[in-house]
Amino acid sequence: KEVVCGAGRDVVCWRVRTGERTRTLRRGDETDLVGASPLDGPRGEVVAVAAAVDGSIAAACASGLVRVWRGDADTPQAHDHHRAAVQALRWCPFAATLVTGGANGDIVLIDVVAERASHR
């Protein structure tokens, strides 16, 4: 079993039994923040993470960006469907769909296979 947590702008995976760091997922392109530069400080920090049963990992950022690493991919998909900070993430247990909630009340369903989103 592994634990996944945010670490600044990255996501870190730890093996529970040994306490060993197994993987560090970096955000990719330094310019991937929505309306922000890499120097904008905490806007790009990870505020929530979620792991799917297939091993995919999602991270929500204070900037409104959601990043998804599928399988062993080192480069994440970037989803910028929110107009405010993303505060909550949850994977659908039976589909490759991620549900995200923004600080402004927006809810976005992201199909990570088709890389499409629908807003609520």
Protein backbone atom coordinates (compact mmCIF):
# COMPACT_ATOMS: atom_id res chain seq x y z
CA LYS A 1 0.00 0.00 0.00
CA GLU A 2 1.07 3.56 -0.69
CA VAL A 3 0.20 6.97 0.68
CA VAL A 4 0.01 9.92 -1.71
CA CYS A 5 0.38 13.51 -0.50
CA GLY A 6 1.04 17.00 -1.76
CA ALA A 7 4.50 18.45 -1.21
CA GLY A 8 4.53 22.07 -2.33
CA ARG A 9 3.98 21.94 -6.08
CA ASP A 10 4.73 18.21 -6.36
CA VAL A 11 3.04 14.98 -5.30
CA VAL A 12 4.98 12.37 -3.33
CA CYS A 13 4.16 8.65 -3.02
CA TRP A 14 5.32 6.70 0.05
CA ARG A 15 5.29 2.95 0.75
CA VAL A 16 3.42 2.54 4.05
CA ARG A 17 5.22 -0.55 5.33
CA THR A 18 8.79 0.72 4.85
CA GLY A 19 8.34 4.51 4.87
CA GLU A 20 10.23 4.56 1.57
CA ARG A 21 9.54 7.31 -0.97
CA THR A 22 8.60 5.45 -4.12
CA ARG A 23 7.91 8.29 -6.53
CA THR A 24 7.86 12.07 -6.83
CA LEU A 25 5.45 13.43 -9.42
CA ARG A 26 6.45 16.83 -10.68
CA ARG A 27 3.98 19.18 -12.24
CA GLY A 28 5.66 19.33 -15.63
CA ASP A 29 5.84 22.61 -17.52
CA GLU A 30 6.68 25.52 -15.22
CA THR A 31 4.15 27.70 -17.06
CA ASP A 32 1.14 25.42 -16.60
CA LEU A 33 -0.55 27.53 -13.94
CA VAL A 34 -3.82 29.15 -14.90
CA GLY A 35 -3.14 32.88 -15.15
CA ALA A 36 0.01 32.61 -13.05
CA SER A 37 3.75 32.63 -13.51
CA PRO A 38 6.09 30.18 -11.76
CA LEU A 39 6.95 32.97 -9.33
CA ASP A 40 3.38 33.35 -8.03
CA GLY A 41 4.17 31.29 -4.95
CA PRO A 42 1.38 29.38 -3.21
CA ARG A 43 -1.09 29.68 -6.11
CA GLY A 44 0.57 26.63 -7.68
CA GLU A 45 0.73 24.54 -4.53
CA VAL A 46 -1.09 21.22 -4.31
CA VAL A 47 -4.08 21.50 -1.99
CA ALA A 48 -5.71 18.08 -2.52
CA VAL A 49 -4.74 14.70 -3.98
CA ALA A 50 -6.68 11.58 -4.92
CA ALA A 51 -5.58 8.14 -6.10
CA ALA A 52 -7.74 5.99 -8.39
CA VAL A 53 -8.02 2.21 -8.22
CA ASP A 54 -6.10 1.94 -11.53
CA GLY A 55 -3.12 3.82 -10.06
CA SER A 56 -3.88 7.20 -11.62
CA ILE A 57 -3.17 10.16 -9.34
CA ALA A 58 -4.83 13.56 -9.44
CA ALA A 59 -3.67 16.77 -7.77
CA ALA A 60 -5.68 19.96 -7.29
CA CYS A 61 -3.84 23.27 -7.19
CA ALA A 62 -4.69 26.57 -5.57
CA SER A 63 -4.39 28.12 -9.05
CA GLY A 64 -7.45 26.20 -10.31
CA LEU A 65 -5.40 23.66 -12.25
CA VAL A 66 -5.94 19.91 -11.92
CA ARG A 67 -3.10 17.61 -12.92
CA VAL A 68 -3.57 13.88 -13.62
CA TRP A 69 -0.81 11.29 -13.88
CA ARG A 70 -2.11 8.09 -15.52
CA GLY A 71 -0.27 4.87 -14.82
CA ASP A 72 3.49 5.34 -14.78
CA ALA A 73 3.41 8.57 -16.78
CA ASP A 74 5.94 11.18 -15.69
CA THR A 75 4.18 14.02 -17.50
CA PRO A 76 0.71 14.91 -16.22
CA GLN A 77 -2.39 15.89 -18.12
CA ALA A 78 -3.27 19.48 -17.22
CA HIS A 79 -6.93 20.46 -16.87
CA ASP A 80 -7.74 24.14 -16.44
CA HIS A 81 -11.53 24.01 -16.27
CA HIS A 82 -11.90 25.90 -12.98
CA ARG A 83 -12.05 29.68 -12.53
CA ALA A 84 -11.05 29.48 -8.86
CA ALA A 85 -8.96 27.28 -6.58
CA VAL A 86 -9.82 23.59 -6.70
CA GLN A 87 -10.49 22.41 -3.16
CA ALA A 88 -11.77 18.86 -3.57
CA LEU A 89 -11.13 15.80 -5.76
CA ARG A 90 -12.77 12.40 -5.92
CA TRP A 91 -12.39 9.58 -8.45
CA CYS A 92 -15.47 7.77 -9.67
CA PRO A 93 -14.94 4.16 -8.50
CA PHE A 94 -16.14 2.54 -11.75
CA ALA A 95 -15.00 4.92 -14.52
CA ALA A 96 -12.00 7.04 -15.46
CA THR A 97 -13.84 10.13 -14.28
CA LEU A 98 -12.59 12.66 -11.77
CA VAL A 99 -15.01 14.95 -9.92
CA THR A 100 -13.52 18.28 -8.81
CA GLY A 101 -14.95 21.07 -6.69
CA GLY A 102 -13.88 24.70 -6.83
CA ALA A 103 -13.84 27.42 -4.20
CA ASN A 104 -16.53 29.28 -6.18
CA GLY A 105 -18.95 26.34 -6.07
CA ASP A 106 -18.22 24.98 -9.56
CA ILE A 107 -18.21 21.21 -9.94
CA VAL A 108 -16.38 19.74 -12.92
CA LEU A 109 -16.47 16.13 -14.15
CA ILE A 110 -13.28 15.24 -16.03
CA ASP A 111 -13.11 12.20 -18.31
CA VAL A 112 -9.36 11.55 -18.16
CA VAL A 113 -9.38 9.08 -21.06
CA ALA A 114 -11.09 11.45 -23.51
CA GLU A 115 -9.51 14.47 -21.78
CA ARG A 116 -12.88 16.27 -21.76
CA ALA A 117 -14.79 18.00 -19.01
CA SER A 118 -18.35 18.96 -18.22
CA HIS A 119 -19.31 21.73 -15.81
CA ARG A 120 -22.08 21.87 -13.24
